[in-house]
C-alpha atoms as a PDB file:
ATOM      1  CA  MET A   1     -42.936  13.946  43.867  1.00  0.00           C
ATOM      2  CA  THR A   2     -40.218  13.280  46.092  1.00  0.00           C
ATOM      3  CA  GLU A   3     -37.332  11.222  44.189  1.00  0.00           C
ATOM      4  CA  ARG A   4     -37.407   7.409  45.041  1.00  0.00           C
ATOM      5  CA  ILE A   5     -33.945   5.232  45.330  1.00  0.00           C
ATOM      6  CA  ASP A   6     -31.552   6.260  44.742  1.00  0.00           C
ATOM      7  CA  ILE A   7     -29.867   3.451  41.886  1.00  0.00           C
ATOM      8  CA  ALA A   8     -26.184   4.680  41.589  1.00  0.00           C
ATOM      9  CA  SER A   9     -26.296   3.960  44.812  1.00  0.00           C
ATOM     10  CA  LEU A  10     -28.162   1.326  45.573  1.00  0.00           C
ATOM     11  CA  ALA A  11     -26.500  -0.776  41.963  1.00  0.00           C
ATOM     12  CA  PRO A  12     -22.731   1.470  41.837  1.00  0.00           C
ATOM     13  CA  GLU A  13     -21.662  -1.377  38.949  1.00  0.00           C
ATOM     14  CA  GLY A  14     -25.062  -1.517  36.729  1.00  0.00           C
ATOM     15  CA  TYR A  15     -24.934   2.173  36.874  1.00  0.00           C
ATOM     16  CA  ARG A  16     -21.372   2.190  36.255  1.00  0.00           C
ATOM     17  CA  LYS A  17     -21.798   0.264  32.932  1.00  0.00           C
ATOM     18  CA  VAL A  18     -24.796   2.354  32.131  1.00  0.00           C
ATOM     19  CA  ILE A  19     -22.275   5.868  32.575  1.00  0.00           C
ATOM     20  CA  ASN A  20     -19.806   3.847  30.753  1.00  0.00           C
ATOM     21  CA  LEU A  21     -21.869   3.298  27.837  1.00  0.00           C
ATOM     22  CA  ASP A  22     -22.730   7.174  27.631  1.00  0.00           C
ATOM     23  CA  GLY A  23     -19.175   8.071  27.120  1.00  0.00           C
ATOM     24  CA  TYR A  24     -18.748   5.854  24.412  1.00  0.00           C
ATOM     25  CA  ILE A  25     -21.739   7.184  22.496  1.00  0.00           C
ATOM     26  CA  GLY A  26     -20.976  10.517  23.334  1.00  0.00           C
ATOM     27  CA  ARG A  27     -17.199  10.140  21.623  1.00  0.00           C
ATOM     28  CA  GLN A  28     -19.199   8.786  18.614  1.00  0.00           C
ATOM     29  CA  ILE A  29     -22.255  10.372  18.421  1.00  0.00           C
ATOM     30  CA  GLU A  30     -21.359  14.027  16.589  1.00  0.00           C
ATOM     31  CA  GLU A  31     -22.890  16.978  18.107  1.00  0.00           C
ATOM     32  CA  PRO A  32     -25.706  18.292  18.179  1.00  0.00           C
ATOM     33  CA  LEU A  33     -27.324  15.214  16.780  1.00  0.00           C
ATOM     34  CA  GLY A  34     -26.588  13.139  20.246  1.00  0.00           C
ATOM     35  CA  ASN A  35     -28.656  15.776  22.229  1.00  0.00           C
ATOM     36  CA  PHE A  36     -31.463  15.902  19.030  1.00  0.00           C
ATOM     37  CA  ILE A  37     -31.601  12.236  19.777  1.00  0.00           C
ATOM     38  CA  LYS A  38     -31.870  12.383  23.712  1.00  0.00           C
ATOM     39  CA  LEU A  39     -34.611  15.234  23.355  1.00  0.00           C
ATOM     40  CA  ARG A  40     -36.619  13.300  20.847  1.00  0.00           C
ATOM     41  CA  ALA A  41     -36.579   9.953  22.918  1.00  0.00           C
ATOM     42  CA  SER A  42     -37.612  11.795  26.345  1.00  0.00           C
ATOM     43  CA  GLN A  43     -40.331  13.515  24.851  1.00  0.00           C
ATOM     44  CA  LEU A  44     -41.704  10.147  23.571  1.00  0.00           C
ATOM     45  CA  ASN A  45     -40.873   8.915  26.763  1.00  0.00           C
ATOM     46  CA  GLY A  46     -42.554  11.663  28.717  1.00  0.00           C
ATOM     47  CA  CYS A  47     -38.705  12.111  30.675  1.00  0.00           C
ATOM     48  CA  THR A  48     -39.150  15.831  32.057  1.00  0.00           C
ATOM     49  CA  PHE A  49     -35.832  15.246  33.355  1.00  0.00           C
ATOM     50  CA  CYS A  50     -34.224  14.420  30.253  1.00  0.00           C
ATOM     51  CA  VAL A  51     -36.057  17.034  27.960  1.00  0.00           C
ATOM     52  CA  ASP A  52     -34.997  19.642  30.497  1.00  0.00           C
ATOM     53  CA  MET A  53     -31.340  18.682  30.842  1.00  0.00           C
ATOM     54  CA  HIS A  54     -31.074  17.705  27.125  1.00  0.00           C
ATOM     55  CA  SER A  55     -32.867  20.778  26.328  1.00  0.00           C
ATOM     56  CA  VAL A  56     -30.151  23.022  27.744  1.00  0.00           C
ATOM     57  CA  ASP A  57     -28.068  21.329  26.653  1.00  0.00           C
ATOM     58  CA  LEU A  58     -28.670  22.219  23.193  1.00  0.00           C
ATOM     59  CA  GLN A  59     -28.984  25.739  23.983  1.00  0.00           C
ATOM     60  CA  ALA A  60     -25.744  25.919  25.493  1.00  0.00           C
ATOM     61  CA  SER A  61     -24.228  24.376  22.792  1.00  0.00           C
ATOM     62  CA  GLY A  62     -25.743  27.711  20.456  1.00  0.00           C
ATOM     63  CA  VAL A  63     -28.237  25.153  18.928  1.00  0.00           C
ATOM     64  CA  PRO A  64     -31.002  28.244  18.302  1.00  0.00           C
ATOM     65  CA  LEU A  65     -34.109  27.916  20.697  1.00  0.00           C
ATOM     66  CA  ARG A  66     -36.225  27.436  17.676  1.00  0.00           C
ATOM     67  CA  LYS A  67     -34.823  24.240  16.014  1.00  0.00           C
ATOM     68  CA  THR A  68     -34.799  22.711  19.882  1.00  0.00           C
ATOM     69  CA  PHE A  69     -38.035  23.826  20.364  1.00  0.00           C
ATOM     70  CA  SER A  70     -39.154  22.054  17.031  1.00  0.00           C
ATOM     71  CA  VAL A  71     -37.327  18.776  17.479  1.00  0.00           C
ATOM     72  CA  ILE A  72     -40.977  17.525  18.535  1.00  0.00           C
ATOM     73  CA  THR A  73     -42.580  18.743  15.047  1.00  0.00           C
ATOM     74  CA  TRP A  74     -38.971  17.725  13.046  1.00  0.00           C
ATOM     75  CA  ARG A  75     -40.713  16.212  10.197  1.00  0.00           C
ATOM     76  CA  GLU A  76     -42.537  19.308   9.499  1.00  0.00           C
ATOM     77  CA  SER A  77     -39.528  21.758  10.288  1.00  0.00           C
ATOM     78  CA  GLU A  78     -36.960  22.838   7.804  1.00  0.00           C
ATOM     79  CA  TRP A  79     -34.277  23.571  10.341  1.00  0.00           C
ATOM     80  CA  PHE A  80     -32.979  19.906  10.439  1.00  0.00           C
ATOM     81  CA  THR A  81     -30.555  18.105   8.100  1.00  0.00           C
ATOM     82  CA  PRO A  82     -30.921  14.987   6.102  1.00  0.00           C
ATOM     83  CA  ARG A  83     -29.071  13.443   8.548  1.00  0.00           C
ATOM     84  CA  GLU A  84     -30.880  14.484  11.463  1.00  0.00           C
ATOM     85  CA  ARG A  85     -34.005  13.651   9.938  1.00  0.00           C
ATOM     86  CA  VAL A  86     -32.855  10.085   9.681  1.00  0.00           C
ATOM     87  CA  ALA A  87     -31.283  10.097  13.003  1.00  0.00           C
ATOM     88  CA  LEU A  88     -34.541  11.540  14.424  1.00  0.00           C
ATOM     89  CA  GLU A  89     -37.468   8.981  12.239  1.00  0.00           C
ATOM     90  CA  LEU A  90     -35.178   6.226  13.279  1.00  0.00           C
ATOM     91  CA  THR A  91     -34.978   7.079  17.098  1.00  0.00           C
ATOM     92  CA  GLU A  92     -38.695   7.275  17.223  1.00  0.00           C
ATOM     93  CA  ALA A  93     -39.498   3.707  15.370  1.00  0.00           C
ATOM     94  CA  VAL A  94     -36.997   2.351  18.249  1.00  0.00           C
ATOM     95  CA  THR A  95     -38.086   3.879  21.276  1.00  0.00           C
ATOM     96  CA  LEU A  96     -41.716   2.836  19.525  1.00  0.00           C
ATOM     97  CA  ILE A  97     -40.347  -0.309  18.914  1.00  0.00           C
ATOM     98  CA  GLN A  98     -43.889  -1.759  18.772  1.00  0.00           C
ATOM     99  CA  GLY A  99     -43.873  -1.214  15.070  1.00  0.00           C
ATOM    100  CA  GLY A 100     -40.188  -2.516  14.579  1.00  0.00           C
ATOM    101  CA  VAL A 101     -37.981  -0.481  12.044  1.00  0.00           C
ATOM    102  CA  SER A 102     -38.898  -0.565   8.600  1.00  0.00           C
ATOM    103  CA  ASP A 103     -36.207  -1.799   5.855  1.00  0.00           C
ATOM    104  CA  ASP A 104     -37.198   1.717   3.896  1.00  0.00           C
ATOM    105  CA  LEU A 105     -35.677   3.414   7.223  1.00  0.00           C
ATOM    106  CA  TYR A 106     -33.090   0.937   7.988  1.00  0.00           C
ATOM    107  CA  ALA A 107     -32.011   1.507   4.373  1.00  0.00           C
ATOM    108  CA  ARG A 108     -31.865   4.857   4.550  1.00  0.00           C
ATOM    109  CA  ALA A 109     -30.175   4.814   8.084  1.00  0.00           C
ATOM    110  CA  LEU A 110     -27.535   2.496   6.698  1.00  0.00           C
ATOM    111  CA  ALA A 111     -26.817   4.995   3.527  1.00  0.00           C
ATOM    112  CA  GLU A 112     -26.122   7.556   6.207  1.00  0.00           C
ATOM    113  CA  PHE A 113     -24.625   6.559   8.641  1.00  0.00           C
ATOM    114  CA  GLY A 114     -22.776   3.245   7.475  1.00  0.00           C
ATOM    115  CA  GLU A 115     -22.403  -0.097   9.578  1.00  0.00           C
ATOM    116  CA  ALA A 116     -20.901   1.094  12.286  1.00  0.00           C
ATOM    117  CA  GLY A 117     -22.190   4.863  12.332  1.00  0.00           C
ATOM    118  CA  LEU A 118     -25.737   3.138  12.325  1.00  0.00           C
ATOM    119  CA  ALA A 119     -24.464   0.015  15.235  1.00  0.00           C
ATOM    120  CA  ASP A 120     -23.707   3.181  17.154  1.00  0.00           C
ATOM    121  CA  LEU A 121     -27.087   5.119  16.806  1.00  0.00           C
ATOM    122  CA  ILE A 122     -28.624   2.453  17.769  1.00  0.00           C
ATOM    123  CA  LEU A 123     -26.926   1.691  21.212  1.00  0.00           C
ATOM    124  CA  ALA A 124     -27.030   5.845  21.265  1.00  0.00           C
ATOM    125  CA  ILE A 125     -30.823   5.389  20.948  1.00  0.00           C
ATOM    126  CA  GLY A 126     -30.916   2.670  22.891  1.00  0.00           C
ATOM    127  CA  LEU A 127     -29.095   4.218  25.841  1.00  0.00           C
ATOM    128  CA  ILE A 128     -31.388   7.363  26.177  1.00  0.00           C
ATOM    129  CA  ASN A 129     -34.347   4.542  26.704  1.00  0.00           C
ATOM    130  CA  ILE A 130     -32.037   3.455  28.979  1.00  0.00           C
ATOM    131  CA  TRP A 131     -31.626   6.906  31.216  1.00  0.00           C
ATOM    132  CA  ASN A 132     -35.716   7.486  30.414  1.00  0.00           C
ATOM    133  CA  ARG A 133     -36.190   4.621  32.342  1.00  0.00           C
ATOM    134  CA  ILE A 134     -33.862   5.408  35.175  1.00  0.00           C
ATOM    135  CA  ALA A 135     -35.455   8.508  35.422  1.00  0.00           C
ATOM    136  CA  ILE A 136     -39.105   8.118  35.273  1.00  0.00           C
ATOM    137  CA  PRO A 137     -39.775   5.607  37.862  1.00  0.00           C
ATOM    138  CA  THR A 138     -37.321   7.190  40.389  1.00  0.00           C
ATOM    139  CA  HIS A 139     -38.915  10.544  39.884  1.00  0.00           C
ATOM    140  CA  LEU A 140     -35.618  12.080  38.731  1.00  0.00           C
ATOM    141  CA  ARG A 141     -36.402  15.392  39.093  1.00  0.00           C
ATOM    142  CA  PRO A 142     -34.439  18.480  36.691  1.00  0.00           C
ATOM    143  CA  PRO A 143     -33.053  21.078  39.162  1.00  0.00           C
ATOM    144  CA  ALA A 144     -35.361  24.104  40.224  1.00  0.00           C
ATOM    145  CA  LEU A 145     -35.684  27.219  37.676  1.00  0.00           C
END
């Protein structure tokens, strides 16, 4: 598959706004949590480019490969903290939004992150979904092995 349009050059103002939101989120969501969120949403959405990018970012930051591989099975893995678990559960609920976000999950996320933290977390999840929706239809591909 070849890459299709280059959104960054064709819609530079809009693309810069997404980049600016990305910068804001990067300052608000601690790592490796931010990359776990990005990786899980990208797995759900089938975004090869983003799965590759965030897996590589997790590896580069020193997260054990086994934990990175287990993001897809976080519910069964013992390697995720309660904070990471609620963030991953919320990532799934927001990414697969047709079921909504249950009151129970919302309350647990609010208790873990507080109001401002939850607002940033929801923005972070929305943002990776935007990135996925840019990369998938344009056939953005990761660098060759």
